[in-house]
Amino acid sequence: MAKALDPYRVALSILSSDTLEEARSKLNISRTKFWQLRQKPEIKNALNEISSHIYDESLATVMHDTTENLSILKNL
């Protein structure tokens, strides 16, 4: 019996790859199995959760950098 893949591993593979084919290759699974996995709610939830976290972290970084740059400009 095939071992179930962790939804976060699948999601990270998708998000860290340039193409879906590259992601599938990283997971070493067939195209059919990869398509089936991508339809599962737990994979979609993992993708949404990780994407939201990446967005939040990026936004926090931009806000911090903007505040820092404004402070520098104010002191010029």
C-alpha atoms as a PDB file:
ATOM      1  CA  MET A   1       0.000   0.000   0.000  1.00  0.00           C
ATOM      2  CA  ALA A   2       1.266   3.465  -0.907  1.00  0.00           C
ATOM      3  CA  LYS A   3       2.272   5.761   1.906  1.00  0.00           C
ATOM      4  CA  ALA A   4       0.117   8.890   2.251  1.00  0.00           C
ATOM      5  CA  LEU A   5       1.947  12.132   1.621  1.00  0.00           C
ATOM      6  CA  ASP A   6       1.864  14.884   4.217  1.00  0.00           C
ATOM      7  CA  PRO A   7      -0.344  17.735   2.912  1.00  0.00           C
ATOM      8  CA  TYR A   8       2.235  20.331   3.983  1.00  0.00           C
ATOM      9  CA  ARG A   9       4.989  18.494   2.120  1.00  0.00           C
ATOM     10  CA  VAL A  10       2.880  18.509  -1.038  1.00  0.00           C
ATOM     11  CA  ALA A  11       1.980  22.178  -0.578  1.00  0.00           C
ATOM     12  CA  LEU A  12       5.579  23.205   0.042  1.00  0.00           C
ATOM     13  CA  SER A  13       6.673  21.271  -3.016  1.00  0.00           C
ATOM     14  CA  ILE A  14       4.122  23.131  -5.142  1.00  0.00           C
ATOM     15  CA  LEU A  15       4.948  26.549  -3.704  1.00  0.00           C
ATOM     16  CA  SER A  16       8.710  26.088  -3.969  1.00  0.00           C
ATOM     17  CA  SER A  17       8.693  24.868  -7.574  1.00  0.00           C
ATOM     18  CA  ASP A  18       8.660  26.837 -10.802  1.00  0.00           C
ATOM     19  CA  THR A  19       6.196  24.422 -12.405  1.00  0.00           C
ATOM     20  CA  LEU A  20       3.704  21.808 -11.283  1.00  0.00           C
ATOM     21  CA  GLU A  21       5.727  19.220 -13.175  1.00  0.00           C
ATOM     22  CA  GLU A  22       8.776  20.130 -11.097  1.00  0.00           C
ATOM     23  CA  ALA A  23       6.710  19.812  -7.917  1.00  0.00           C
ATOM     24  CA  ARG A  24       5.418  16.416  -9.025  1.00  0.00           C
ATOM     25  CA  SER A  25       8.940  15.282  -9.779  1.00  0.00           C
ATOM     26  CA  LYS A  26      10.158  16.378  -6.324  1.00  0.00           C
ATOM     27  CA  LEU A  27       7.446  14.224  -4.769  1.00  0.00           C
ATOM     28  CA  ASN A  28       8.336  11.315  -7.059  1.00  0.00           C
ATOM     29  CA  ILE A  29       4.725  10.446  -7.862  1.00  0.00           C
ATOM     30  CA  SER A  30       2.754   9.866 -11.054  1.00  0.00           C
ATOM     31  CA  ARG A  31       0.897  12.642 -12.834  1.00  0.00           C
ATOM     32  CA  THR A  32      -2.411  10.985 -11.996  1.00  0.00           C
ATOM     33  CA  LYS A  33      -1.578  10.699  -8.283  1.00  0.00           C
ATOM     34  CA  PHE A  34      -0.362  14.310  -8.247  1.00  0.00           C
ATOM     35  CA  TRP A  35      -3.596  15.535  -9.861  1.00  0.00           C
ATOM     36  CA  GLN A  36      -5.642  13.521  -7.357  1.00  0.00           C
ATOM     37  CA  LEU A  37      -3.666  14.955  -4.440  1.00  0.00           C
ATOM     38  CA  ARG A  38      -4.195  18.516  -5.663  1.00  0.00           C
ATOM     39  CA  GLN A  39      -7.976  17.974  -5.563  1.00  0.00           C
ATOM     40  CA  LYS A  40      -7.998  16.967  -1.880  1.00  0.00           C
ATOM     41  CA  PRO A  41      -9.303  19.553   0.608  1.00  0.00           C
ATOM     42  CA  GLU A  42      -6.414  18.963   3.025  1.00  0.00           C
ATOM     43  CA  ILE A  43      -3.895  19.846   0.284  1.00  0.00           C
ATOM     44  CA  LYS A  44      -5.881  22.952  -0.673  1.00  0.00           C
ATOM     45  CA  ASN A  45      -6.079  23.957   2.995  1.00  0.00           C
ATOM     46  CA  ALA A  46      -2.320  23.467   3.436  1.00  0.00           C
ATOM     47  CA  LEU A  47      -1.658  25.586   0.335  1.00  0.00           C
ATOM     48  CA  ASN A  48      -3.926  28.349   1.647  1.00  0.00           C
ATOM     49  CA  GLU A  49      -2.390  28.236   5.121  1.00  0.00           C
ATOM     50  CA  ILE A  50       1.196  28.376   3.871  1.00  0.00           C
ATOM     51  CA  SER A  51       0.386  31.065   1.285  1.00  0.00           C
ATOM     52  CA  SER A  52      -1.292  33.191   3.958  1.00  0.00           C
ATOM     53  CA  HIS A  53       1.708  32.820   6.239  1.00  0.00           C
ATOM     54  CA  ILE A  54       4.094  33.812   3.429  1.00  0.00           C
ATOM     55  CA  TYR A  55       1.900  36.839   2.641  1.00  0.00           C
ATOM     56  CA  ASP A  56       1.745  37.897   6.296  1.00  0.00           C
ATOM     57  CA  GLU A  57       5.516  37.585   6.701  1.00  0.00           C
ATOM     58  CA  SER A  58       6.147  39.538   3.490  1.00  0.00           C
ATOM     59  CA  LEU A  59       3.738  42.281   4.498  1.00  0.00           C
ATOM     60  CA  ALA A  60       5.358  42.576   7.928  1.00  0.00           C
ATOM     61  CA  THR A  61       8.783  42.886   6.299  1.00  0.00           C
ATOM     62  CA  VAL A  62       7.588  45.575   3.888  1.00  0.00           C
ATOM     63  CA  MET A  63       5.934  47.528   6.682  1.00  0.00           C
ATOM     64  CA  HIS A  64       9.058  47.352   8.831  1.00  0.00           C
ATOM     65  CA  ASP A  65      11.307  48.432   5.966  1.00  0.00           C
ATOM     66  CA  THR A  66       8.965  51.275   5.032  1.00  0.00           C
ATOM     67  CA  THR A  67       8.876  52.556   8.610  1.00  0.00           C
ATOM     68  CA  GLU A  68      12.647  52.381   8.805  1.00  0.00           C
ATOM     69  CA  ASN A  69      13.055  54.228   5.498  1.00  0.00           C
ATOM     70  CA  LEU A  70      10.606  56.932   6.549  1.00  0.00           C
ATOM     71  CA  SER A  71      12.556  57.433   9.754  1.00  0.00           C
ATOM     72  CA  ILE A  72      15.766  57.829   7.797  1.00  0.00           C
ATOM     73  CA  LEU A  73      14.160  60.318   5.409  1.00  0.00           C
ATOM     74  CA  LYS A  74      12.723  62.309   8.311  1.00  0.00           C
ATOM     75  CA  ASN A  75      16.212  62.674   9.795  1.00  0.00           C
ATOM     76  CA  LEU A  76      17.742  63.981   6.559  1.00  0.00           C
END
